[in-house]
Amino acid sequence: MITFPGYETVIRKVYENKQEHVFEYWNDLNDSEKKNLLDDLSDVDFSLLLSLFFSTEDAAEMHFDAAPYIALPKSSDEKKEYEKAREAGDLHVRQGKVAAFVVAGGQGSRLGYDGPKGMFPVGPVSGKTLFHIHAEKIAAYSQKYCVHIPFLIMTSRSNHQVTVDYFNKNDFFGLGRDNVFIFPQNMIPSLDAQGKLILESKKSIFKNPDGHGGSLTALHTSGVLERLKERGVETISYFQVDNPLVRIVDSAFIGFHVLRGADVSSKAVRKAYPEEKVGVFVRYGNNTIGVVEYSDMPEEKTHSLDEKGDLRFSSGSIAIHLFQREFVERITAGTDIALPFHTARKKIKALVGGVRKEVEGFKFEKFVFDALPLTEKNIVFETLREDEFAPVKNSSGVDSVESAQRMMSEQHRRWLRNRGIQVPDKTRVIEISPLVAVEQEDLDPEIKIPDEELVYINSNR
């Protein structure tokens, strides 16, 4: 057995769990590198990994039907209910009970960008980054509701420091250092086909991010959840960094969430076509609400129609949720109620016999929508795709930079038209700064649009 001062317990656990192969290159390492490896091993939960390796998922077929949802209001009664919810949501925000939480661990490699996806320029005229646009929205909401809305940003191990430096360099976009919380996602070791830890290098084991569901765990382990409690925050508005159209603070959505006492609330859009690659909200046989991934939907259900001839499973998940802080505390406190891990068999680059090669292995991750069936009460809330869902995932085609910029410009053109503001025929692309308007009612009807092809509105005049 190897020895190293101060790490006796860690070393003993490694040997007890028959993982001592990780010390294969021990004699090649200097003291600093040995410490690095032992630090890497110190937070490994061997009992958890063992149970994940031997577990089997989805052994039984899940029976489900389409989930109920709060539809867009049409009747006068529905509109009154919406207005009541909006008033309740306005009050909730104004009382400082809402925080914004963006999951931003991804890189922009699929977009041809070498850096965090949040730093990718997406403004159709301004060229502002995703982070910049989200931060300005939160600044605008903060000003609108006369409150400091905390901005929570979960990064990954690979982009954490770059993100911190970016916000520092831009003076936190006027939000104030005390109102921005940047913290990394937790990592979990992968295992090879024999259930052994995988060496990434002589001094480190291979770990992968624990999935977007791990964002809730990261709120707890980073200490941010406790900070939110101290500030009186009750509701966490969750979204993903690649959606510049997201309405981060939606008072009607928040109001329904509060009035109905939901632990989790989720936004849904109508699927564009049966095979669209989005998860679908469903109601299981035990009456809980959840999301079934498009890849897990049986073909007959994917194409199933209701009595009106519409898609039965039409409520697509767009990864916009509200989480009650107390609920997140319950499922991240190490109790029996927790998000499950999912197992994926993957090719993993490893150090084997002194040579880097690909090995068969297992990665483990959590999905944030798995929180829904754990709740006592949750709601699904319908919204319009053109108002709130323009993901930037690809460099061209569907869900691309081009499609997102077009949707942003079209939304801002609609806002102006609905406020009776004339847009010159010459104007081809138009963008409104969130500091001017985060919803169309914020626009001054007297605003004048310059007779130019590309227009960026950063003043309400």
Protein backbone atom coordinates (compact mmCIF):
# COMPACT_ATOMS: atom_id res chain seq x y z
CA MET A 1 0.00 0.00 0.00
CA ILE A 2 1.29 3.45 -0.90
CA THR A 3 1.63 6.14 1.75
CA PHE A 4 1.34 9.93 1.77
CA PRO A 5 1.09 12.12 4.90
CA GLY A 6 -2.42 13.39 5.63
CA TYR A 7 -4.18 11.14 3.09
CA GLU A 8 -4.27 7.86 4.98
CA THR A 9 -8.08 7.64 4.97
CA VAL A 10 -8.35 8.34 1.24
CA ILE A 11 -5.69 5.74 0.39
CA ARG A 12 -7.33 3.13 2.60
CA LYS A 13 -10.73 3.65 0.91
CA VAL A 14 -9.16 3.21 -2.52
CA TYR A 15 -7.65 -0.14 -1.51
CA GLU A 16 -10.77 -1.30 0.32
CA ASN A 17 -12.77 -0.73 -2.86
CA LYS A 18 -10.17 -2.55 -4.98
CA GLN A 19 -9.36 0.54 -7.07
CA GLU A 20 -5.61 0.60 -6.38
CA HIS A 21 -4.84 0.48 -10.12
CA VAL A 22 -5.14 4.30 -10.02
CA PHE A 23 -1.71 4.29 -8.34
CA GLU A 24 -0.08 2.51 -11.31
CA TYR A 25 2.12 5.53 -12.08
CA TRP A 26 2.69 6.57 -8.46
CA ASN A 27 6.47 6.34 -8.68
CA ASP A 28 6.50 8.59 -11.78
CA LEU A 29 4.87 11.46 -9.88
CA ASN A 30 6.42 14.23 -7.81
CA ASP A 31 4.87 15.19 -4.47
CA SER A 32 2.66 17.89 -6.02
CA GLU A 33 1.30 15.48 -8.62
CA LYS A 34 0.73 12.78 -5.97
CA LYS A 35 -1.27 15.28 -3.93
CA ASN A 36 -3.28 16.19 -7.04
CA LEU A 37 -4.25 12.54 -7.59
CA LEU A 38 -5.18 12.01 -3.95
CA ASP A 39 -7.23 15.23 -3.92
CA ASP A 40 -8.99 13.93 -7.03
CA LEU A 41 -9.83 10.71 -5.18
CA SER A 42 -10.80 12.34 -1.89
CA ASP A 43 -14.39 13.20 -2.88
CA VAL A 44 -15.18 9.91 -4.63
CA ASP A 45 -18.30 8.28 -3.20
CA PHE A 46 -17.36 4.62 -3.75
CA SER A 47 -20.64 3.23 -2.40
CA LEU A 48 -22.62 5.44 -4.80
CA LEU A 49 -20.49 4.40 -7.77
CA LEU A 50 -20.88 0.74 -6.85
CA SER A 51 -24.66 1.02 -6.69
CA LEU A 52 -24.76 2.93 -10.01
CA PHE A 53 -22.60 0.34 -11.73
CA PHE A 54 -24.79 -2.57 -10.66
CA SER A 55 -28.14 -0.82 -11.08
CA THR A 56 -30.41 -1.25 -14.06
CA GLU A 57 -32.80 1.46 -15.15
CA ASP A 58 -36.21 1.43 -16.72
CA ALA A 59 -36.66 -2.28 -16.14
CA ALA A 60 -40.41 -1.89 -16.35
CA GLU A 61 -42.37 0.00 -18.98
CA MET A 62 -43.76 3.29 -17.70
CA HIS A 63 -47.42 3.93 -18.50
CA PHE A 64 -48.31 7.55 -19.13
CA ASP A 65 -50.72 9.93 -20.83
CA ALA A 66 -50.47 13.57 -21.84
CA ALA A 67 -49.95 15.99 -18.93
CA PRO A 68 -52.52 18.68 -18.12
CA TYR A 69 -51.33 22.27 -18.53
CA ILE A 70 -52.39 25.87 -18.04
CA ALA A 71 -53.29 26.97 -21.56
CA LEU A 72 -52.89 30.45 -22.99
CA PRO A 73 -55.96 32.48 -21.93
CA LYS A 74 -58.83 32.85 -24.37
CA SER A 75 -62.04 33.37 -22.42
CA SER A 76 -62.71 36.37 -20.20
CA ASP A 77 -62.58 34.15 -17.10
CA GLU A 78 -59.19 32.79 -18.14
CA LYS A 79 -57.91 36.30 -18.75
CA LYS A 80 -59.10 37.36 -15.29
CA GLU A 81 -57.28 34.39 -13.76
CA TYR A 82 -54.14 35.37 -15.65
CA GLU A 83 -54.38 38.94 -14.40
CA LYS A 84 -54.78 37.74 -10.82
CA ALA A 85 -51.69 35.53 -11.26
CA ARG A 86 -49.74 38.41 -12.80
CA GLU A 87 -50.50 40.64 -9.82
CA ALA A 88 -49.40 37.89 -7.40
CA GLY A 89 -46.23 37.36 -9.41
CA ASP A 90 -45.45 41.09 -9.49
CA LEU A 91 -45.71 41.23 -5.71
CA HIS A 92 -43.54 38.13 -5.27
CA VAL A 93 -40.77 39.65 -7.39
CA ARG A 94 -41.08 43.08 -5.78
CA GLN A 95 -40.63 41.50 -2.35
CA GLY A 96 -37.22 40.15 -3.41
CA LYS A 97 -38.33 36.52 -3.43
CA VAL A 98 -37.08 35.59 -6.93
CA ALA A 99 -33.59 34.70 -8.19
CA ALA A 100 -32.49 33.96 -11.78
CA PHE A 101 -30.46 30.79 -12.41
CA VAL A 102 -28.72 30.06 -15.72
CA VAL A 103 -27.03 26.75 -16.53
CA ALA A 104 -23.92 27.76 -18.49
CA GLY A 105 -21.47 24.88 -18.44
CA GLY A 106 -21.34 24.37 -22.20
CA GLN A 107 -18.67 25.34 -24.68
CA GLY A 108 -19.36 26.97 -28.06
CA SER A 109 -17.53 24.32 -30.09
CA ARG A 110 -20.60 23.37 -32.16
CA LEU A 111 -20.90 27.03 -33.09
CA GLY A 112 -17.28 27.22 -34.18
CA TYR A 113 -16.48 29.29 -31.10
CA ASP A 114 -13.58 28.51 -28.78
CA GLY A 115 -14.92 29.51 -25.38
CA PRO A 116 -17.94 29.33 -23.07
CA LYS A 117 -21.20 29.35 -24.99
CA GLY A 118 -22.41 32.22 -22.79
CA MET A 119 -19.70 34.42 -24.33
CA PHE A 120 -20.90 33.75 -27.87
CA PRO A 121 -22.09 36.95 -29.64
CA VAL A 122 -25.75 36.58 -30.61
CA GLY A 123 -27.29 40.09 -30.69
CA PRO A 124 -28.56 40.46 -34.30
CA VAL A 125 -27.37 44.08 -34.48
CA SER A 126 -25.46 44.80 -31.26
CA GLY A 127 -23.40 41.60 -31.32
CA LYS A 128 -23.89 41.30 -27.55
CA THR A 129 -23.14 37.93 -26.02
CA LEU A 130 -25.66 35.58 -24.47
CA PHE A 131 -24.32 36.43 -21.00
CA HIS A 132 -24.58 40.16 -21.76
CA ILE A 133 -28.20 39.89 -22.92
CA HIS A 134 -29.27 37.77 -19.93
CA ALA A 135 -27.50 40.12 -17.50
CA GLU A 136 -29.17 43.18 -19.03
CA LYS A 137 -32.56 41.50 -18.75
CA ILE A 138 -31.98 40.89 -15.05
CA ALA A 139 -30.78 44.47 -14.61
CA ALA A 140 -33.96 45.69 -16.32
CA TYR A 141 -36.20 43.48 -14.17
CA SER A 142 -34.35 44.67 -11.05
CA GLN A 143 -34.96 48.28 -11.97
CA LYS A 144 -38.58 47.60 -12.94
CA TYR A 145 -39.39 45.93 -9.62
CA CYS A 146 -37.11 48.12 -7.46
CA VAL A 147 -35.21 45.10 -6.11
CA HIS A 148 -31.84 43.38 -6.58
CA ILE A 149 -32.53 40.07 -8.34
CA PRO A 150 -29.66 37.61 -7.70
CA PHE A 151 -28.09 36.16 -10.85
CA LEU A 152 -26.87 32.58 -10.34
CA ILE A 153 -24.52 31.14 -12.98
CA MET A 154 -23.47 27.51 -12.99
CA THR A 155 -20.31 26.88 -15.00
CA SER A 156 -18.28 23.75 -15.72
CA ARG A 157 -14.76 22.86 -14.67
CA SER A 158 -13.53 23.78 -18.16
CA ASN A 159 -15.08 27.25 -18.41
CA HIS A 160 -15.42 28.42 -14.81
CA GLN A 161 -12.43 30.75 -14.55
CA VAL A 162 -12.96 32.20 -18.04
CA THR A 163 -16.55 33.03 -17.09
CA VAL A 164 -15.50 34.62 -13.78
CA ASP A 165 -12.88 36.71 -15.59
CA TYR A 166 -15.44 37.78 -18.21
CA PHE A 167 -17.91 39.07 -15.62
CA ASN A 168 -15.12 40.78 -13.69
CA LYS A 169 -13.85 42.48 -16.84
CA ASN A 170 -17.36 43.75 -17.64
CA ASP A 171 -18.00 44.90 -14.05
CA PHE A 172 -20.81 42.34 -13.71
CA PHE A 173 -22.81 44.29 -16.30
CA GLY A 174 -23.98 46.74 -13.67
CA LEU A 175 -25.65 44.10 -11.49
CA GLY A 176 -23.17 44.48 -8.64
CA ARG A 177 -20.65 41.90 -7.53
CA ASP A 178 -22.78 40.95 -4.49
CA ASN A 179 -25.71 40.00 -6.71
CA VAL A 180 -23.87 37.62 -9.06
CA PHE A 181 -23.01 34.10 -7.89
CA ILE A 182 -20.77 32.06 -10.21
CA PHE A 183 -20.04 28.48 -9.19
CA PRO A 184 -18.93 25.27 -10.97
CA GLN A 185 -20.93 22.15 -11.60
CA ASN A 186 -20.07 19.04 -9.61
CA MET A 187 -18.17 16.23 -11.30
CA ILE A 188 -18.63 12.47 -10.89
CA PRO A 189 -16.13 9.75 -11.84
CA SER A 190 -16.87 7.51 -14.80
CA LEU A 191 -16.25 3.77 -14.67
CA ASP A 192 -14.94 1.34 -17.27
CA ALA A 193 -16.83 -1.79 -18.32
CA GLN A 194 -15.40 -3.68 -15.33
CA GLY A 195 -16.51 -1.05 -12.81
CA LYS A 196 -13.04 0.43 -12.36
CA LEU A 197 -12.09 4.11 -12.10
CA ILE A 198 -10.56 5.48 -15.31
CA LEU A 199 -7.25 7.34 -15.33
CA GLU A 200 -7.35 10.52 -17.40
CA SER A 201 -3.64 11.08 -16.76
CA LYS A 202 -1.01 9.75 -14.39
CA LYS A 203 -2.14 12.28 -11.79
CA SER A 204 -5.93 12.43 -12.32
CA ILE A 205 -9.00 10.25 -12.75
CA PHE A 206 -11.61 10.84 -15.42
CA LYS A 207 -14.71 12.68 -14.23
CA ASN A 208 -17.71 13.98 -16.15
CA PRO A 209 -20.20 16.74 -15.24
CA ASP A 210 -23.17 15.28 -13.36
CA GLY A 211 -25.75 16.59 -15.85
CA HIS A 212 -28.14 19.55 -15.84
CA GLY A 213 -29.94 17.90 -12.93
CA GLY A 214 -26.70 18.33 -11.02
CA SER A 215 -27.30 22.07 -11.15
CA LEU A 216 -29.64 21.72 -8.17
CA THR A 217 -27.01 19.78 -6.23
CA ALA A 218 -24.44 22.45 -7.12
CA LEU A 219 -26.71 25.12 -5.62
CA HIS A 220 -26.43 23.23 -2.34
CA THR A 221 -22.75 22.23 -2.38
CA SER A 222 -21.60 25.72 -3.45
CA GLY A 223 -23.37 27.34 -0.49
CA VAL A 224 -25.49 29.49 -2.82
CA LEU A 225 -28.73 27.91 -1.62
CA GLU A 226 -27.96 29.05 1.93
CA ARG A 227 -27.15 32.54 0.65
CA LEU A 228 -30.52 32.69 -1.09
CA LYS A 229 -32.26 31.67 2.11
CA GLU A 230 -30.49 34.49 3.97
CA ARG A 231 -31.71 36.96 1.34
CA GLY A 232 -35.31 35.75 1.58
CA VAL A 233 -35.42 34.22 -1.91
CA GLU A 234 -38.18 31.64 -2.26
CA THR A 235 -38.40 31.00 -6.00
CA ILE A 236 -35.56 30.17 -8.42
CA SER A 237 -36.13 30.91 -12.12
CA TYR A 238 -34.12 28.30 -14.07
CA PHE A 239 -33.13 28.57 -17.75
CA GLN A 240 -30.35 27.57 -20.13
CA VAL A 241 -27.72 29.96 -21.42
CA ASP A 242 -28.30 29.26 -25.13
CA ASN A 243 -31.84 30.71 -25.22
CA PRO A 244 -31.65 34.51 -25.77
CA LEU A 245 -35.43 34.80 -26.05
CA VAL A 246 -36.18 33.50 -22.55
CA ARG A 247 -38.43 35.60 -20.36
CA ILE A 248 -36.45 35.26 -17.15
CA VAL A 249 -38.98 36.96 -14.89
CA ASP A 250 -42.52 36.17 -16.05
CA SER A 251 -44.93 37.53 -13.46
CA ALA A 252 -47.94 35.49 -14.67
CA PHE A 253 -45.90 32.26 -14.61
CA ILE A 254 -44.54 33.11 -11.17
CA GLY A 255 -48.01 34.04 -9.95
CA PHE A 256 -49.56 30.72 -10.95
CA HIS A 257 -46.59 28.95 -9.35
CA VAL A 258 -47.12 30.82 -6.06
CA LEU A 259 -50.93 30.76 -5.97
CA ARG A 260 -51.07 27.02 -6.64
CA GLY A 261 -48.36 26.20 -4.12
CA ALA A 262 -46.17 24.40 -6.65
CA ASP A 263 -42.75 22.97 -5.81
CA VAL A 264 -41.74 23.06 -9.49
CA SER A 265 -43.37 24.76 -12.46
CA SER A 266 -42.39 24.30 -16.10
CA LYS A 267 -43.00 26.08 -19.38
CA ALA A 268 -44.11 24.22 -22.48
CA VAL A 269 -44.53 25.05 -26.16
CA ARG A 270 -46.58 23.19 -28.74
CA LYS A 271 -44.37 20.78 -30.63
CA ALA A 272 -43.70 22.01 -34.16
CA TYR A 273 -44.05 18.46 -35.57
CA PRO A 274 -44.35 14.95 -34.08
CA GLU A 275 -40.65 14.04 -34.33
CA GLU A 276 -39.32 17.32 -32.92
CA LYS A 277 -36.38 16.56 -30.63
CA VAL A 278 -37.77 17.92 -27.37
CA GLY A 279 -38.91 16.14 -24.24
CA VAL A 280 -42.67 15.89 -23.69
CA PHE A 281 -44.63 16.54 -20.50
CA VAL A 282 -46.61 13.48 -19.41
CA ARG A 283 -48.71 12.24 -16.50
CA TYR A 284 -47.69 8.84 -15.18
CA GLY A 285 -50.04 6.18 -13.88
CA ASN A 286 -49.33 7.25 -10.27
CA ASN A 287 -50.62 10.75 -11.19
CA THR A 288 -47.20 12.43 -11.04
CA ILE A 289 -46.04 14.77 -13.81
CA GLY A 290 -42.77 14.18 -15.64
CA VAL A 291 -40.90 14.53 -18.91
CA VAL A 292 -40.22 11.73 -21.38
CA GLU A 293 -37.27 12.34 -23.68
CA TYR A 294 -38.07 12.27 -27.40
CA SER A 295 -35.72 9.29 -27.82
CA ASP A 296 -37.75 7.30 -25.26
CA MET A 297 -41.18 8.03 -26.72
CA PRO A 298 -42.80 4.98 -28.37
CA GLU A 299 -43.51 5.72 -32.02
CA GLU A 300 -47.26 5.17 -31.63
CA LYS A 301 -47.40 7.78 -28.86
CA THR A 302 -45.24 10.21 -30.85
CA HIS A 303 -47.86 10.24 -33.61
CA SER A 304 -50.96 9.77 -31.43
CA LEU A 305 -53.80 12.24 -32.06
CA ASP A 306 -56.58 13.38 -29.71
CA GLU A 307 -60.29 13.60 -30.48
CA LYS A 308 -59.75 16.98 -32.22
CA GLY A 309 -57.09 15.57 -34.51
CA ASP A 310 -54.26 17.38 -32.70
CA LEU A 311 -51.09 15.78 -31.34
CA ARG A 312 -51.91 14.16 -28.00
CA PHE A 313 -48.36 14.55 -26.68
CA SER A 314 -47.83 18.11 -27.83
CA SER A 315 -46.40 19.90 -24.78
CA GLY A 316 -42.69 20.20 -25.46
CA SER A 317 -40.26 21.01 -22.64
CA ILE A 318 -38.04 24.06 -23.26
CA ALA A 319 -35.94 23.79 -20.08
CA ILE A 320 -37.55 26.78 -18.33
CA HIS A 321 -38.60 26.01 -14.76
CA LEU A 322 -39.41 27.60 -11.42
CA PHE A 323 -38.05 25.79 -8.36
CA GLN A 324 -39.18 26.47 -4.84
CA ARG A 325 -36.03 26.97 -2.77
CA GLU A 326 -37.29 24.77 0.07
CA PHE A 327 -37.96 21.94 -2.38
CA VAL A 328 -34.38 22.16 -3.72
CA GLU A 329 -33.15 22.04 -0.13
CA ARG A 330 -35.13 18.83 0.47
CA ILE A 331 -33.86 16.94 -2.58
CA THR A 332 -30.20 17.98 -2.15
CA ALA A 333 -29.87 17.36 1.59
CA GLY A 334 -28.79 13.74 1.28
CA THR A 335 -32.20 12.29 2.15
CA ASP A 336 -33.99 9.43 0.40
CA ILE A 337 -35.71 11.98 -1.86
CA ALA A 338 -33.17 12.87 -4.56
CA LEU A 339 -32.77 13.04 -8.31
CA PRO A 340 -31.85 9.67 -9.82
CA PHE A 341 -28.71 9.14 -11.87
CA HIS A 342 -28.95 7.96 -15.48
CA THR A 343 -26.28 5.74 -17.01
CA ALA A 344 -24.90 6.18 -20.51
CA ARG A 345 -22.40 3.83 -22.16
CA LYS A 346 -19.73 5.93 -23.86
CA LYS A 347 -16.27 5.81 -25.41
CA ILE A 348 -13.92 7.51 -22.95
CA LYS A 349 -10.32 8.62 -23.53
CA ALA A 350 -8.13 7.00 -20.89
CA LEU A 351 -4.52 6.35 -19.99
CA VAL A 352 -3.95 2.59 -20.33
CA GLY A 353 -0.48 1.03 -20.14
CA GLY A 354 1.10 4.45 -20.53
CA VAL A 355 -0.81 5.10 -23.78
CA ARG A 356 -3.93 7.22 -24.34
CA LYS A 357 -6.72 5.20 -25.92
CA GLU A 358 -10.50 4.97 -25.99
CA VAL A 359 -12.16 2.53 -23.63
CA GLU A 360 -15.76 1.45 -23.13
CA GLY A 361 -17.15 3.07 -20.03
CA PHE A 362 -20.15 4.42 -18.17
CA LYS A 363 -20.98 8.08 -17.52
CA PHE A 364 -23.53 9.01 -14.88
CA GLU A 365 -25.69 12.14 -14.93
CA LYS A 366 -28.87 13.64 -13.54
CA PHE A 367 -31.68 15.30 -15.51
CA VAL A 368 -33.31 18.39 -14.02
CA PHE A 369 -36.80 17.38 -15.16
CA ASP A 370 -36.57 14.27 -12.98
CA ALA A 371 -37.40 16.65 -10.13
CA LEU A 372 -41.00 16.88 -11.34
CA PRO A 373 -42.22 13.42 -10.22
CA LEU A 374 -40.67 14.05 -6.79
CA THR A 375 -42.94 17.02 -6.11
CA GLU A 376 -46.17 17.10 -4.20
CA LYS A 377 -47.46 19.70 -6.64
CA ASN A 378 -46.26 21.13 -9.95
CA ILE A 379 -47.73 22.87 -12.95
CA VAL A 380 -47.08 22.99 -16.69
CA PHE A 381 -47.58 26.43 -18.22
CA GLU A 382 -48.07 27.00 -21.95
CA THR A 383 -46.15 29.74 -23.73
CA LEU A 384 -45.60 30.68 -27.38
CA ARG A 385 -42.45 29.47 -29.09
CA GLU A 386 -41.99 32.77 -30.93
CA ASP A 387 -42.04 34.65 -27.63
CA GLU A 388 -39.67 32.53 -25.62
CA PHE A 389 -37.74 29.74 -27.32
CA ALA A 390 -34.88 30.42 -29.72
CA PRO A 391 -32.07 28.01 -28.76
CA VAL A 392 -28.60 28.60 -30.19
CA LYS A 393 -27.28 25.07 -30.67
CA ASN A 394 -26.05 24.86 -34.25
CA SER A 395 -24.02 27.09 -36.55
CA SER A 396 -26.70 26.84 -39.27
CA GLY A 397 -30.14 25.40 -39.94
CA VAL A 398 -32.61 24.50 -37.18
CA ASP A 399 -31.94 25.99 -33.71
CA SER A 400 -29.02 27.98 -35.06
CA VAL A 401 -27.49 31.41 -34.57
CA GLU A 402 -29.30 32.55 -37.69
CA SER A 403 -32.73 31.29 -36.59
CA ALA A 404 -32.33 32.77 -33.08
CA GLN A 405 -31.32 36.19 -34.43
CA ARG A 406 -34.25 36.14 -36.84
CA MET A 407 -36.67 35.30 -34.00
CA MET A 408 -35.21 38.05 -31.80
CA SER A 409 -35.64 40.62 -34.56
CA GLU A 410 -39.17 39.41 -35.39
CA GLN A 411 -40.19 39.60 -31.72
CA HIS A 412 -38.95 43.17 -31.38
CA ARG A 413 -40.68 44.16 -34.62
CA ARG A 414 -43.95 42.70 -33.23
CA TRP A 415 -43.53 44.66 -30.00
CA LEU A 416 -43.13 47.90 -31.90
CA ARG A 417 -46.08 47.18 -34.19
CA ASN A 418 -48.31 46.25 -31.22
CA ARG A 419 -47.38 49.56 -29.54
CA GLY A 420 -48.32 51.44 -32.71
CA ILE A 421 -44.73 52.42 -33.46
CA GLN A 422 -43.88 52.77 -37.15
CA VAL A 423 -40.93 50.77 -38.46
CA PRO A 424 -39.45 52.11 -41.73
CA ASP A 425 -39.67 49.83 -44.77
CA LYS A 426 -35.91 50.09 -45.11
CA THR A 427 -35.34 48.46 -41.69
CA ARG A 428 -34.32 44.85 -42.28
CA VAL A 429 -33.09 43.83 -38.81
CA ILE A 430 -34.09 45.44 -35.53
CA GLU A 431 -32.93 44.79 -31.96
CA ILE A 432 -34.12 46.35 -28.72
CA SER A 433 -31.82 46.48 -25.70
CA PRO A 434 -33.30 44.76 -22.63
CA LEU A 435 -32.43 47.97 -20.75
CA VAL A 436 -35.06 49.68 -22.91
CA ALA A 437 -37.71 46.94 -22.83
CA VAL A 438 -38.01 43.37 -21.54
CA GLU A 439 -41.63 43.25 -22.68
CA GLN A 440 -43.56 45.33 -25.17
CA GLU A 441 -45.40 47.36 -22.52
CA ASP A 442 -42.05 48.90 -21.54
CA LEU A 443 -41.75 50.69 -24.90
CA ASP A 444 -42.61 54.38 -25.14
CA PRO A 445 -45.22 54.72 -27.95
CA GLU A 446 -43.52 57.98 -28.98
CA ILE A 447 -40.21 56.29 -29.79
CA LYS A 448 -38.83 57.09 -33.26
CA ILE A 449 -37.15 54.40 -35.38
CA PRO A 450 -34.32 55.65 -37.64
CA ASP A 451 -34.60 54.99 -41.38
CA GLU A 452 -31.77 52.45 -41.48
CA GLU A 453 -31.31 48.79 -42.47
CA LEU A 454 -29.88 47.70 -39.13
CA VAL A 455 -31.41 49.32 -36.07
CA TYR A 456 -30.36 48.89 -32.44
CA ILE A 457 -32.65 50.63 -29.95
CA ASN A 458 -30.82 51.45 -26.75
CA SER A 459 -32.84 54.47 -25.72
CA ASN A 460 -36.59 54.84 -25.07
CA ARG A 461 -36.85 58.03 -27.14
